[in-house]
């Protein structure tokens, strides 16, 4: 089992990355949001799950242990394969999955490509009682930085970055320097762009 990889990002596409580990390039399937957060040349640490089939070996990668946990739980649901499982995580965060299961609401899962009404209901039933900790984490998590600095997030998304990446960037900056939470918009925007780089704003890789 390959539970994680750390190495240099060689290339990125909309839903996969190639990471060089010990001179070997590993192709890892990731969510679109995760792919956007990775940049060629950077060192990346990715939580992974190796799926073994008769005719293939496939690596699926995630930003957090919670995403990996949800992925494994979804694989235990009848009718849900690796691609459908990562499809769920491309649409919903772990906290959203937990909240939907706790509320016995299968609608969010029906919005995922490849997940039909029957499978959506099976997900809710199968995951009941298994994601309560994640639901509690989602309820007690601090407010998103998008509520603290909506203008920064709006500016970054206007430049082409996804909302999730923009929010996470602002969150990381404020977490590292709490005194910046009330900083002028221009200051935070400058720091965010310095961290993200100019790729999006100058028509770079999407």
N, C-alpha and C. Protein backbone atom coordinates (compact mmCIF):
# COMPACT_ATOMS: atom_id res chain seq x y z
N UNK A 1 0.85 -1.20 0.00
CA UNK A 1 0.00 0.00 0.00
C UNK A 1 0.88 1.25 0.00
N UNK A 2 0.62 2.15 -0.93
CA UNK A 2 1.31 3.44 -0.95
C UNK A 2 0.38 4.44 -0.29
N UNK A 3 0.66 4.79 0.97
CA UNK A 3 -0.25 5.64 1.73
C UNK A 3 0.00 7.13 1.55
N UNK A 4 1.19 7.48 1.05
CA UNK A 4 1.48 8.89 0.79
C UNK A 4 2.71 8.99 -0.10
N UNK A 5 2.83 10.14 -0.77
CA UNK A 5 4.02 10.40 -1.58
C UNK A 5 4.47 11.83 -1.34
N UNK A 6 5.75 12.05 -1.42
CA UNK A 6 6.31 13.39 -1.34
C UNK A 6 7.36 13.51 -2.44
N UNK A 7 7.23 14.54 -3.25
CA UNK A 7 8.19 14.71 -4.32
C UNK A 7 7.90 15.95 -5.14
N UNK A 8 8.63 16.10 -6.22
CA UNK A 8 8.50 17.27 -7.09
C UNK A 8 7.38 17.07 -8.11
N UNK A 9 6.53 18.07 -8.23
CA UNK A 9 5.45 18.01 -9.21
C UNK A 9 6.04 18.24 -10.60
N UNK A 10 5.90 17.23 -11.46
CA UNK A 10 6.44 17.33 -12.81
C UNK A 10 5.43 17.93 -13.79
N UNK A 11 4.17 17.58 -13.60
CA UNK A 11 3.14 18.10 -14.50
C UNK A 11 1.78 18.01 -13.83
N UNK A 12 0.85 18.83 -14.31
CA UNK A 12 -0.51 18.84 -13.78
C UNK A 12 -1.50 18.90 -14.93
N UNK A 13 -2.62 18.22 -14.77
CA UNK A 13 -3.73 18.35 -15.70
C UNK A 13 -4.96 18.69 -14.88
N UNK A 14 -6.12 18.64 -15.48
CA UNK A 14 -7.33 19.04 -14.75
C UNK A 14 -7.69 18.11 -13.61
N UNK A 15 -7.29 16.83 -13.70
CA UNK A 15 -7.65 15.90 -12.62
C UNK A 15 -6.54 14.89 -12.30
N UNK A 16 -5.30 15.22 -12.63
CA UNK A 16 -4.20 14.34 -12.28
C UNK A 16 -2.89 15.12 -12.22
N UNK A 17 -1.94 14.56 -11.51
CA UNK A 17 -0.60 15.16 -11.42
C UNK A 17 0.43 14.04 -11.54
N UNK A 18 1.62 14.41 -11.94
CA UNK A 18 2.73 13.47 -11.95
C UNK A 18 3.75 13.99 -10.96
N UNK A 19 4.07 13.16 -9.96
CA UNK A 19 5.02 13.54 -8.92
C UNK A 19 6.24 12.62 -9.00
N UNK A 20 7.41 13.22 -9.04
CA UNK A 20 8.65 12.44 -9.11
C UNK A 20 9.09 12.05 -7.71
N UNK A 21 9.21 10.74 -7.49
CA UNK A 21 9.66 10.21 -6.20
C UNK A 21 10.80 9.24 -6.47
N UNK A 22 11.99 9.58 -6.01
CA UNK A 22 13.14 8.71 -6.21
C UNK A 22 13.46 8.46 -7.67
N UNK A 23 13.25 9.47 -8.51
CA UNK A 23 13.54 9.32 -9.93
C UNK A 23 12.44 8.68 -10.74
N UNK A 24 11.33 8.33 -10.09
CA UNK A 24 10.19 7.71 -10.77
C UNK A 24 9.01 8.68 -10.77
N UNK A 25 8.39 8.88 -11.92
CA UNK A 25 7.22 9.75 -11.99
C UNK A 25 5.96 8.97 -11.73
N UNK A 26 5.26 9.32 -10.66
CA UNK A 26 4.01 8.64 -10.30
C UNK A 26 2.81 9.47 -10.76
N UNK A 27 1.94 8.87 -11.56
CA UNK A 27 0.71 9.53 -11.99
C UNK A 27 -0.35 9.33 -10.90
N UNK A 28 -0.89 10.43 -10.41
CA UNK A 28 -1.85 10.39 -9.31
C UNK A 28 -3.12 11.11 -9.73
N UNK A 29 -4.25 10.44 -9.61
CA UNK A 29 -5.54 11.07 -9.91
C UNK A 29 -5.99 11.87 -8.69
N UNK A 30 -6.33 13.12 -8.91
CA UNK A 30 -6.73 14.01 -7.83
C UNK A 30 -8.00 14.76 -8.23
N UNK A 31 -8.57 15.51 -7.29
CA UNK A 31 -9.73 16.33 -7.61
C UNK A 31 -9.26 17.55 -8.39
N UNK A 32 -10.13 18.15 -9.19
CA UNK A 32 -9.76 19.37 -9.93
C UNK A 32 -9.24 20.48 -9.02
N UNK A 33 -9.85 20.64 -7.85
CA UNK A 33 -9.42 21.68 -6.92
C UNK A 33 -8.01 21.40 -6.41
N UNK A 34 -7.72 20.13 -6.16
CA UNK A 34 -6.39 19.76 -5.69
C UNK A 34 -5.36 20.03 -6.78
N UNK A 35 -5.71 19.70 -8.03
CA UNK A 35 -4.80 19.93 -9.15
C UNK A 35 -4.49 21.42 -9.29
N UNK A 36 -5.48 22.26 -9.07
CA UNK A 36 -5.28 23.71 -9.18
C UNK A 36 -4.33 24.23 -8.10
N UNK A 37 -4.34 23.56 -6.96
CA UNK A 37 -3.51 24.01 -5.84
C UNK A 37 -2.05 23.60 -5.99
N UNK A 38 -1.78 22.68 -6.93
CA UNK A 38 -0.41 22.20 -7.13
C UNK A 38 0.21 22.90 -8.33
N UNK A 39 1.50 23.17 -8.22
CA UNK A 39 2.21 23.86 -9.30
C UNK A 39 3.47 23.11 -9.68
N UNK A 40 3.74 23.06 -10.97
CA UNK A 40 4.91 22.37 -11.47
C UNK A 40 6.19 22.93 -10.81
N UNK A 41 7.04 22.02 -10.38
CA UNK A 41 8.29 22.42 -9.75
C UNK A 41 8.23 22.48 -8.24
N UNK A 42 7.02 22.54 -7.69
CA UNK A 42 6.86 22.58 -6.24
C UNK A 42 7.04 21.19 -5.64
N UNK A 43 7.37 21.13 -4.36
CA UNK A 43 7.39 19.87 -3.63
C UNK A 43 6.01 19.65 -3.04
N UNK A 44 5.43 18.50 -3.31
CA UNK A 44 4.08 18.21 -2.84
C UNK A 44 4.07 16.99 -1.92
N UNK A 45 3.20 17.05 -0.93
CA UNK A 45 2.94 15.89 -0.08
C UNK A 45 1.47 15.51 -0.30
N UNK A 46 1.23 14.29 -0.73
CA UNK A 46 -0.13 13.87 -1.08
C UNK A 46 -0.47 12.57 -0.37
N UNK A 47 -1.62 12.55 0.30
CA UNK A 47 -2.13 11.31 0.89
C UNK A 47 -2.69 10.47 -0.25
N UNK A 48 -2.33 9.19 -0.30
CA UNK A 48 -2.72 8.39 -1.46
C UNK A 48 -3.36 7.06 -1.09
N UNK A 49 -4.07 6.53 -2.07
CA UNK A 49 -4.66 5.20 -1.96
C UNK A 49 -4.36 4.47 -3.26
N UNK A 50 -3.75 3.30 -3.16
CA UNK A 50 -3.41 2.51 -4.34
C UNK A 50 -4.53 1.51 -4.60
N UNK A 51 -5.12 1.62 -5.78
CA UNK A 51 -6.19 0.72 -6.18
C UNK A 51 -5.63 -0.30 -7.16
N UNK A 52 -5.72 -1.57 -6.79
CA UNK A 52 -5.16 -2.65 -7.60
C UNK A 52 -6.27 -3.37 -8.35
N UNK A 53 -6.13 -3.43 -9.65
CA UNK A 53 -7.05 -4.18 -10.50
C UNK A 53 -6.24 -5.21 -11.28
N UNK A 54 -6.92 -6.15 -11.89
CA UNK A 54 -6.22 -7.19 -12.63
C UNK A 54 -5.32 -6.62 -13.71
N UNK A 55 -5.77 -5.54 -14.34
CA UNK A 55 -5.02 -4.99 -15.46
C UNK A 55 -4.44 -3.61 -15.21
N UNK A 56 -4.49 -3.15 -13.96
CA UNK A 56 -3.97 -1.80 -13.69
C UNK A 56 -3.67 -1.57 -12.22
N UNK A 57 -2.77 -0.59 -12.00
CA UNK A 57 -2.49 -0.07 -10.66
C UNK A 57 -2.75 1.43 -10.74
N UNK A 58 -3.65 1.94 -9.90
CA UNK A 58 -4.00 3.36 -9.97
C UNK A 58 -3.82 4.01 -8.61
N UNK A 59 -3.19 5.20 -8.62
CA UNK A 59 -3.02 5.97 -7.40
C UNK A 59 -4.01 7.12 -7.37
N UNK A 60 -4.70 7.26 -6.26
CA UNK A 60 -5.62 8.38 -6.06
C UNK A 60 -5.09 9.21 -4.90
N UNK A 61 -5.03 10.53 -5.09
CA UNK A 61 -4.40 11.38 -4.10
C UNK A 61 -5.33 12.43 -3.50
N UNK A 62 -5.02 12.82 -2.25
CA UNK A 62 -5.88 13.75 -1.52
C UNK A 62 -5.05 14.72 -0.69
N UNK A 63 -5.63 15.89 -0.45
CA UNK A 63 -4.95 16.92 0.32
C UNK A 63 -4.93 16.62 1.81
N UNK A 64 -6.00 15.98 2.33
CA UNK A 64 -6.12 15.77 3.77
C UNK A 64 -6.45 14.32 4.12
N UNK A 65 -6.13 13.90 5.36
CA UNK A 65 -6.49 12.55 5.81
C UNK A 65 -8.01 12.34 5.81
N UNK A 66 -8.78 13.39 6.09
CA UNK A 66 -10.24 13.27 6.09
C UNK A 66 -10.76 12.90 4.70
N UNK A 67 -10.20 13.51 3.66
CA UNK A 67 -10.61 13.17 2.30
C UNK A 67 -10.29 11.72 1.99
N UNK A 68 -9.11 11.28 2.41
CA UNK A 68 -8.71 9.89 2.19
C UNK A 68 -9.65 8.94 2.93
N UNK A 69 -10.03 9.30 4.15
CA UNK A 69 -10.94 8.47 4.92
C UNK A 69 -12.30 8.35 4.24
N UNK A 70 -12.83 9.48 3.76
CA UNK A 70 -14.11 9.46 3.06
C UNK A 70 -14.01 8.61 1.80
N UNK A 71 -12.90 8.74 1.08
CA UNK A 71 -12.68 7.96 -0.13
C UNK A 71 -12.78 6.46 0.17
N UNK A 72 -12.11 6.02 1.22
CA UNK A 72 -12.14 4.60 1.57
C UNK A 72 -13.53 4.16 2.00
N UNK A 73 -14.23 5.02 2.74
CA UNK A 73 -15.60 4.68 3.15
C UNK A 73 -16.51 4.55 1.94
N UNK A 74 -16.35 5.45 0.98
CA UNK A 74 -17.18 5.40 -0.22
C UNK A 74 -16.93 4.14 -1.03
N UNK A 75 -15.69 3.67 -1.04
CA UNK A 75 -15.37 2.46 -1.78
C UNK A 75 -16.08 1.23 -1.20
N UNK A 76 -16.50 1.34 0.05
CA UNK A 76 -17.22 0.24 0.68
C UNK A 76 -18.70 0.22 0.36
N UNK A 77 -19.15 1.22 -0.39
CA UNK A 77 -20.57 1.29 -0.76
C UNK A 77 -20.79 0.58 -2.09
N UNK A 78 -21.76 -0.29 -2.13
CA UNK A 78 -22.08 -1.02 -3.36
C UNK A 78 -22.38 -0.05 -4.50
N UNK A 79 -21.70 -0.25 -5.62
CA UNK A 79 -21.94 0.59 -6.78
C UNK A 79 -21.04 1.80 -6.88
N UNK A 80 -20.18 1.99 -5.88
CA UNK A 80 -19.26 3.14 -5.90
C UNK A 80 -17.83 2.65 -6.12
N UNK A 81 -17.25 3.03 -7.27
CA UNK A 81 -15.88 2.70 -7.57
C UNK A 81 -14.96 3.87 -7.30
N UNK A 82 -13.68 3.71 -7.54
CA UNK A 82 -12.72 4.79 -7.26
C UNK A 82 -13.05 6.10 -7.97
N UNK A 83 -13.45 6.03 -9.25
CA UNK A 83 -13.73 7.26 -10.00
C UNK A 83 -14.97 7.97 -9.46
N UNK A 84 -15.97 7.19 -9.08
CA UNK A 84 -17.17 7.80 -8.49
C UNK A 84 -16.85 8.39 -7.13
N UNK A 85 -16.00 7.69 -6.36
CA UNK A 85 -15.64 8.17 -5.02
C UNK A 85 -14.89 9.49 -5.09
N UNK A 86 -13.93 9.58 -6.02
CA UNK A 86 -13.19 10.84 -6.14
C UNK A 86 -14.09 11.90 -6.76
N UNK A 87 -15.10 11.46 -7.53
CA UNK A 87 -16.07 12.40 -8.06
C UNK A 87 -16.87 13.07 -6.96
N UNK A 88 -17.22 12.29 -5.93
CA UNK A 88 -17.93 12.83 -4.77
C UNK A 88 -17.06 13.89 -4.10
N UNK A 89 -15.78 13.58 -3.92
CA UNK A 89 -14.87 14.50 -3.24
C UNK A 89 -14.49 15.69 -4.11
N UNK A 90 -14.76 15.59 -5.41
CA UNK A 90 -14.54 16.73 -6.29
C UNK A 90 -15.68 17.73 -6.16
N UNK A 91 -16.82 17.24 -5.65
CA UNK A 91 -18.01 18.08 -5.51
C UNK A 91 -18.25 18.50 -4.07
N UNK A 92 -17.96 17.60 -3.12
CA UNK A 92 -18.25 17.85 -1.70
C UNK A 92 -17.00 17.68 -0.84
N UNK A 93 -16.84 18.53 0.14
CA UNK A 93 -15.77 18.38 1.11
C UNK A 93 -16.16 17.34 2.14
N UNK A 94 -15.21 16.82 2.94
CA UNK A 94 -15.52 15.83 3.97
C UNK A 94 -16.62 16.28 4.92
N UNK A 95 -16.57 17.55 5.34
CA UNK A 95 -17.60 18.06 6.24
C UNK A 95 -18.98 18.06 5.59
N UNK A 96 -19.04 18.38 4.29
CA UNK A 96 -20.31 18.38 3.57
C UNK A 96 -20.85 16.97 3.42
N UNK A 97 -19.95 16.01 3.17
CA UNK A 97 -20.37 14.61 3.09
C UNK A 97 -20.95 14.18 4.43
N UNK A 98 -20.24 14.49 5.51
CA UNK A 98 -20.69 14.12 6.86
C UNK A 98 -22.02 14.76 7.19
N UNK A 99 -22.19 16.04 6.85
CA UNK A 99 -23.43 16.75 7.15
C UNK A 99 -24.59 16.14 6.39
N UNK A 100 -24.38 15.78 5.12
CA UNK A 100 -25.44 15.18 4.31
C UNK A 100 -25.84 13.82 4.86
N UNK A 101 -24.85 13.04 5.27
CA UNK A 101 -25.14 11.71 5.83
C UNK A 101 -25.88 11.85 7.15
N UNK A 102 -25.44 12.78 8.00
CA UNK A 102 -26.10 13.00 9.29
C UNK A 102 -27.55 13.44 9.11
N UNK A 103 -27.79 14.23 8.06
CA UNK A 103 -29.14 14.73 7.80
C UNK A 103 -29.96 13.75 6.98
N UNK A 104 -29.36 12.61 6.63
CA UNK A 104 -30.01 11.60 5.78
C UNK A 104 -30.50 12.23 4.47
N UNK A 105 -29.68 13.09 3.94
CA UNK A 105 -30.01 13.83 2.71
C UNK A 105 -29.14 13.32 1.56
N UNK A 106 -29.77 12.65 0.60
CA UNK A 106 -29.00 12.09 -0.51
C UNK A 106 -28.91 13.03 -1.71
N UNK A 107 -29.55 14.20 -1.62
CA UNK A 107 -29.55 15.13 -2.77
C UNK A 107 -28.14 15.56 -3.19
N UNK A 108 -27.25 15.92 -2.25
CA UNK A 108 -25.91 16.33 -2.67
C UNK A 108 -25.17 15.26 -3.47
N UNK A 109 -25.40 14.00 -3.13
CA UNK A 109 -24.71 12.91 -3.83
C UNK A 109 -25.28 12.68 -5.23
N UNK A 110 -26.57 12.97 -5.39
CA UNK A 110 -27.19 12.80 -6.71
C UNK A 110 -26.68 13.82 -7.72
N UNK A 111 -26.05 14.89 -7.23
CA UNK A 111 -25.51 15.91 -8.12
C UNK A 111 -24.16 15.50 -8.72
N UNK A 112 -23.60 14.42 -8.18
CA UNK A 112 -22.28 13.95 -8.64
C UNK A 112 -22.45 13.10 -9.89
N UNK A 113 -21.67 13.39 -10.90
CA UNK A 113 -21.73 12.62 -12.14
C UNK A 113 -21.44 11.15 -11.88
N UNK A 114 -22.31 10.28 -12.37
CA UNK A 114 -22.12 8.84 -12.19
C UNK A 114 -22.80 8.27 -10.97
N UNK A 115 -23.37 9.14 -10.12
CA UNK A 115 -24.07 8.68 -8.92
C UNK A 115 -25.57 8.84 -9.14
N UNK A 116 -26.28 7.72 -9.23
CA UNK A 116 -27.73 7.75 -9.42
C UNK A 116 -28.47 7.79 -8.10
N UNK A 117 -29.81 7.94 -8.13
CA UNK A 117 -30.63 8.02 -6.90
C UNK A 117 -30.44 6.81 -5.97
N UNK A 118 -30.38 5.61 -6.55
CA UNK A 118 -30.23 4.42 -5.72
C UNK A 118 -28.89 4.40 -5.00
N UNK A 119 -27.82 4.71 -5.73
CA UNK A 119 -26.49 4.72 -5.13
C UNK A 119 -26.37 5.84 -4.11
N UNK A 120 -26.99 6.99 -4.41
CA UNK A 120 -26.95 8.12 -3.47
C UNK A 120 -27.56 7.72 -2.13
N UNK A 121 -28.68 6.99 -2.18
CA UNK A 121 -29.33 6.55 -0.94
C UNK A 121 -28.46 5.52 -0.22
N UNK A 122 -27.81 4.65 -0.99
CA UNK A 122 -26.92 3.65 -0.38
C UNK A 122 -25.75 4.32 0.33
N UNK A 123 -25.24 5.40 -0.25
CA UNK A 123 -24.14 6.13 0.39
C UNK A 123 -24.57 6.64 1.76
N UNK A 124 -25.74 7.25 1.81
CA UNK A 124 -26.24 7.80 3.07
C UNK A 124 -26.42 6.70 4.11
N UNK A 125 -27.00 5.58 3.69
CA UNK A 125 -27.24 4.47 4.62
C UNK A 125 -25.94 3.83 5.06
N UNK A 126 -25.04 3.60 4.11
CA UNK A 126 -23.79 2.90 4.40
C UNK A 126 -22.84 3.71 5.27
N UNK A 127 -22.86 5.03 5.12
CA UNK A 127 -21.94 5.88 5.87
C UNK A 127 -22.52 6.36 7.20
N UNK A 128 -23.78 6.05 7.46
CA UNK A 128 -24.41 6.49 8.71
C UNK A 128 -23.64 5.97 9.91
N UNK A 129 -23.32 6.89 10.82
CA UNK A 129 -22.60 6.52 12.03
C UNK A 129 -21.10 6.41 11.86
N UNK A 130 -20.61 6.56 10.64
CA UNK A 130 -19.17 6.42 10.38
C UNK A 130 -18.47 7.76 10.18
N UNK A 131 -19.25 8.83 10.03
CA UNK A 131 -18.64 10.13 9.73
C UNK A 131 -19.05 11.20 10.74
N UNK A 132 -19.53 10.80 11.91
CA UNK A 132 -20.00 11.76 12.90
C UNK A 132 -18.88 12.69 13.36
N UNK A 133 -17.65 12.16 13.48
CA UNK A 133 -16.52 12.98 13.90
C UNK A 133 -16.25 14.09 12.89
N UNK A 134 -16.36 13.75 11.62
CA UNK A 134 -16.15 14.75 10.58
C UNK A 134 -17.25 15.80 10.61
N UNK A 135 -18.47 15.37 10.91
CA UNK A 135 -19.58 16.32 11.00
C UNK A 135 -19.35 17.28 12.15
N UNK A 136 -18.85 16.75 13.28
CA UNK A 136 -18.57 17.58 14.44
C UNK A 136 -17.48 18.59 14.11
N UNK A 137 -16.45 18.14 13.38
CA UNK A 137 -15.37 19.03 12.97
C UNK A 137 -15.89 20.14 12.09
N UNK A 138 -16.80 19.79 11.19
CA UNK A 138 -17.36 20.79 10.27
C UNK A 138 -18.16 21.83 11.04
N UNK A 139 -18.88 21.39 12.08
CA UNK A 139 -19.72 22.31 12.84
C UNK A 139 -18.90 23.25 13.70
N UNK A 140 -17.74 22.76 14.21
CA UNK A 140 -16.95 23.56 15.14
C UNK A 140 -15.79 24.29 14.46
N UNK A 141 -15.64 24.09 13.15
CA UNK A 141 -14.54 24.74 12.44
C UNK A 141 -14.73 26.24 12.43
N UNK A 142 -13.63 27.02 12.47
CA UNK A 142 -13.74 28.48 12.43
C UNK A 142 -14.31 28.93 11.10
N UNK A 143 -14.93 30.12 11.05
CA UNK A 143 -15.51 30.60 9.81
C UNK A 143 -14.46 30.68 8.71
N UNK A 144 -14.90 30.45 7.48
CA UNK A 144 -14.00 30.56 6.33
C UNK A 144 -13.50 31.97 6.20
N UNK A 145 -12.25 32.10 5.71
CA UNK A 145 -11.70 33.42 5.54
C UNK A 145 -12.45 34.22 4.47
N UNK A 146 -13.31 33.50 3.68
CA UNK A 146 -14.07 34.22 2.68
C UNK A 146 -15.08 35.15 3.34
N UNK A 147 -15.49 34.82 4.62
CA UNK A 147 -16.41 35.70 5.32
C UNK A 147 -15.65 36.84 5.98
N UNK A 148 -14.37 36.63 6.26
CA UNK A 148 -13.55 37.66 6.87
C UNK A 148 -13.04 38.64 5.81
N UNK A 149 -12.61 38.09 4.68
CA UNK A 149 -12.05 38.91 3.61
C UNK A 149 -12.70 38.58 2.26
N UNK A 150 -14.00 38.80 2.12
CA UNK A 150 -14.68 38.44 0.87
C UNK A 150 -14.14 39.17 -0.34
N UNK A 151 -13.69 40.40 -0.13
CA UNK A 151 -13.18 41.16 -1.28
C UNK A 151 -11.89 40.56 -1.82
N UNK A 152 -11.06 39.97 -0.93
CA UNK A 152 -9.82 39.34 -1.37
C UNK A 152 -10.15 38.10 -2.19
N UNK A 153 -11.06 37.29 -1.67
CA UNK A 153 -11.46 36.07 -2.37
C UNK A 153 -12.07 36.43 -3.72
N UNK A 154 -12.91 37.46 -3.74
CA UNK A 154 -13.54 37.88 -5.00
C UNK A 154 -12.49 38.34 -6.00
N UNK A 155 -11.49 39.06 -5.51
CA UNK A 155 -10.43 39.55 -6.41
C UNK A 155 -9.64 38.38 -7.00
N UNK A 156 -9.33 37.40 -6.17
CA UNK A 156 -8.54 36.25 -6.64
C UNK A 156 -9.34 35.39 -7.61
N UNK A 157 -10.62 35.17 -7.31
CA UNK A 157 -11.44 34.39 -8.24
C UNK A 157 -11.62 35.15 -9.55
N UNK A 158 -11.66 36.48 -9.47
CA UNK A 158 -11.77 37.29 -10.68
C UNK A 158 -10.53 37.16 -11.56
N UNK A 159 -9.39 36.85 -10.93
CA UNK A 159 -8.14 36.67 -11.67
C UNK A 159 -8.00 35.25 -12.20
N UNK A 160 -8.96 34.38 -11.87
CA UNK A 160 -8.94 33.02 -12.42
C UNK A 160 -8.70 31.90 -11.44
N UNK A 161 -8.39 32.23 -10.19
CA UNK A 161 -8.19 31.17 -9.19
C UNK A 161 -9.55 30.67 -8.72
N UNK A 162 -9.63 29.40 -8.35
CA UNK A 162 -10.89 28.86 -7.85
C UNK A 162 -11.19 29.43 -6.46
N UNK A 163 -12.45 29.43 -6.09
CA UNK A 163 -12.84 29.98 -4.79
C UNK A 163 -12.17 29.23 -3.64
N UNK A 164 -12.09 27.90 -3.79
CA UNK A 164 -11.49 27.10 -2.73
C UNK A 164 -10.02 27.45 -2.54
N UNK A 165 -9.28 27.57 -3.65
CA UNK A 165 -7.87 27.92 -3.57
C UNK A 165 -7.69 29.32 -2.98
N UNK A 166 -8.56 30.26 -3.41
CA UNK A 166 -8.48 31.63 -2.91
C UNK A 166 -8.73 31.67 -1.40
N UNK A 167 -9.77 30.97 -0.96
CA UNK A 167 -10.09 30.94 0.47
C UNK A 167 -8.96 30.34 1.28
N UNK A 168 -8.40 29.22 0.77
CA UNK A 168 -7.34 28.54 1.50
C UNK A 168 -6.09 29.41 1.60
N UNK A 169 -5.80 30.13 0.54
CA UNK A 169 -4.63 31.00 0.53
C UNK A 169 -4.76 32.10 1.58
N UNK A 170 -5.93 32.76 1.58
CA UNK A 170 -6.17 33.82 2.56
C UNK A 170 -6.13 33.25 3.98
N UNK A 171 -6.72 32.05 4.15
CA UNK A 171 -6.73 31.39 5.46
C UNK A 171 -5.32 31.11 5.94
N UNK A 172 -4.46 30.61 5.02
CA UNK A 172 -3.08 30.29 5.39
C UNK A 172 -2.31 31.55 5.80
N UNK A 173 -2.53 32.64 5.07
CA UNK A 173 -1.83 33.88 5.36
C UNK A 173 -2.22 34.42 6.74
N UNK A 174 -3.51 34.43 7.01
CA UNK A 174 -3.99 34.95 8.30
C UNK A 174 -3.60 34.03 9.45
N UNK A 175 -3.60 32.70 9.18
CA UNK A 175 -3.21 31.75 10.23
C UNK A 175 -1.75 31.95 10.61
N UNK A 176 -0.92 32.25 9.61
CA UNK A 176 0.51 32.45 9.86
C UNK A 176 0.78 33.80 10.52
N UNK A 177 -0.05 34.80 10.18
CA UNK A 177 0.13 36.15 10.73
C UNK A 177 -1.24 36.71 11.14
N UNK A 178 -1.75 36.31 12.32
CA UNK A 178 -3.09 36.70 12.77
C UNK A 178 -3.34 38.21 12.77
N UNK A 179 -2.29 39.00 12.94
CA UNK A 179 -2.47 40.45 12.97
C UNK A 179 -2.88 41.01 11.61
N UNK A 180 -2.81 40.16 10.57
CA UNK A 180 -3.18 40.62 9.23
C UNK A 180 -4.68 40.51 8.96
N UNK A 181 -5.43 39.94 9.91
CA UNK A 181 -6.86 39.74 9.67
C UNK A 181 -7.58 41.05 9.38
N UNK A 182 -7.09 42.15 9.96
CA UNK A 182 -7.70 43.46 9.73
C UNK A 182 -6.85 44.34 8.81
N UNK A 183 -5.93 43.71 8.10
CA UNK A 183 -5.05 44.46 7.21
C UNK A 183 -5.83 45.00 6.02
N UNK A 184 -5.33 46.06 5.38
CA UNK A 184 -6.00 46.60 4.20
C UNK A 184 -6.11 45.55 3.10
N UNK A 185 -7.13 45.70 2.27
CA UNK A 185 -7.36 44.76 1.17
C UNK A 185 -6.13 44.64 0.29
N UNK A 186 -5.52 45.79 -0.03
CA UNK A 186 -4.37 45.77 -0.92
C UNK A 186 -3.21 44.94 -0.36
N UNK A 187 -3.03 45.01 0.97
CA UNK A 187 -1.94 44.27 1.61
C UNK A 187 -2.16 42.76 1.49
N UNK A 188 -3.37 42.32 1.83
CA UNK A 188 -3.67 40.90 1.76
C UNK A 188 -3.64 40.39 0.33
N UNK A 189 -4.15 41.19 -0.60
CA UNK A 189 -4.15 40.78 -2.00
C UNK A 189 -2.71 40.61 -2.51
N UNK A 190 -1.84 41.55 -2.13
CA UNK A 190 -0.45 41.47 -2.55
C UNK A 190 0.22 40.21 -2.00
N UNK A 191 -0.04 39.90 -0.74
CA UNK A 191 0.54 38.71 -0.12
C UNK A 191 -0.01 37.43 -0.75
N UNK A 192 -1.32 37.45 -1.05
CA UNK A 192 -1.94 36.27 -1.66
C UNK A 192 -1.36 36.00 -3.04
N UNK A 193 -1.20 37.07 -3.84
CA UNK A 193 -0.64 36.91 -5.18
C UNK A 193 0.82 36.48 -5.12
N UNK A 194 1.54 36.96 -4.11
CA UNK A 194 2.94 36.57 -3.96
C UNK A 194 3.03 35.07 -3.65
N UNK A 195 2.05 34.57 -2.89
CA UNK A 195 2.05 33.15 -2.53
C UNK A 195 1.59 32.28 -3.68
N UNK A 196 0.56 32.73 -4.40
CA UNK A 196 0.01 31.95 -5.50
C UNK A 196 0.85 32.04 -6.77
N UNK A 197 1.51 33.21 -6.96
CA UNK A 197 2.26 33.40 -8.19
C UNK A 197 1.37 34.02 -9.25
N UNK A 198 1.95 34.42 -10.36
CA UNK A 198 1.21 35.16 -11.38
C UNK A 198 0.55 34.29 -12.43
N UNK A 199 0.63 32.95 -12.31
CA UNK A 199 0.17 32.09 -13.40
C UNK A 199 -1.25 32.36 -13.84
N UNK A 200 -2.19 32.46 -12.87
CA UNK A 200 -3.59 32.66 -13.24
C UNK A 200 -3.82 34.03 -13.86
N UNK A 201 -3.26 35.03 -13.21
CA UNK A 201 -3.51 36.39 -13.66
C UNK A 201 -2.94 36.65 -15.05
N UNK A 202 -1.91 35.92 -15.44
CA UNK A 202 -1.27 36.17 -16.73
C UNK A 202 -1.63 35.12 -17.76
N UNK A 203 -2.74 34.39 -17.47
CA UNK A 203 -3.23 33.42 -18.44
C UNK A 203 -2.46 32.13 -18.44
N UNK A 204 -1.89 31.77 -17.25
CA UNK A 204 -1.12 30.54 -17.15
C UNK A 204 -2.02 29.33 -17.05
N UNK A 205 -1.44 28.24 -16.57
CA UNK A 205 -2.16 26.97 -16.51
C UNK A 205 -3.42 27.09 -15.67
N UNK A 206 -4.51 26.51 -16.18
CA UNK A 206 -5.77 26.47 -15.42
C UNK A 206 -6.03 25.06 -14.95
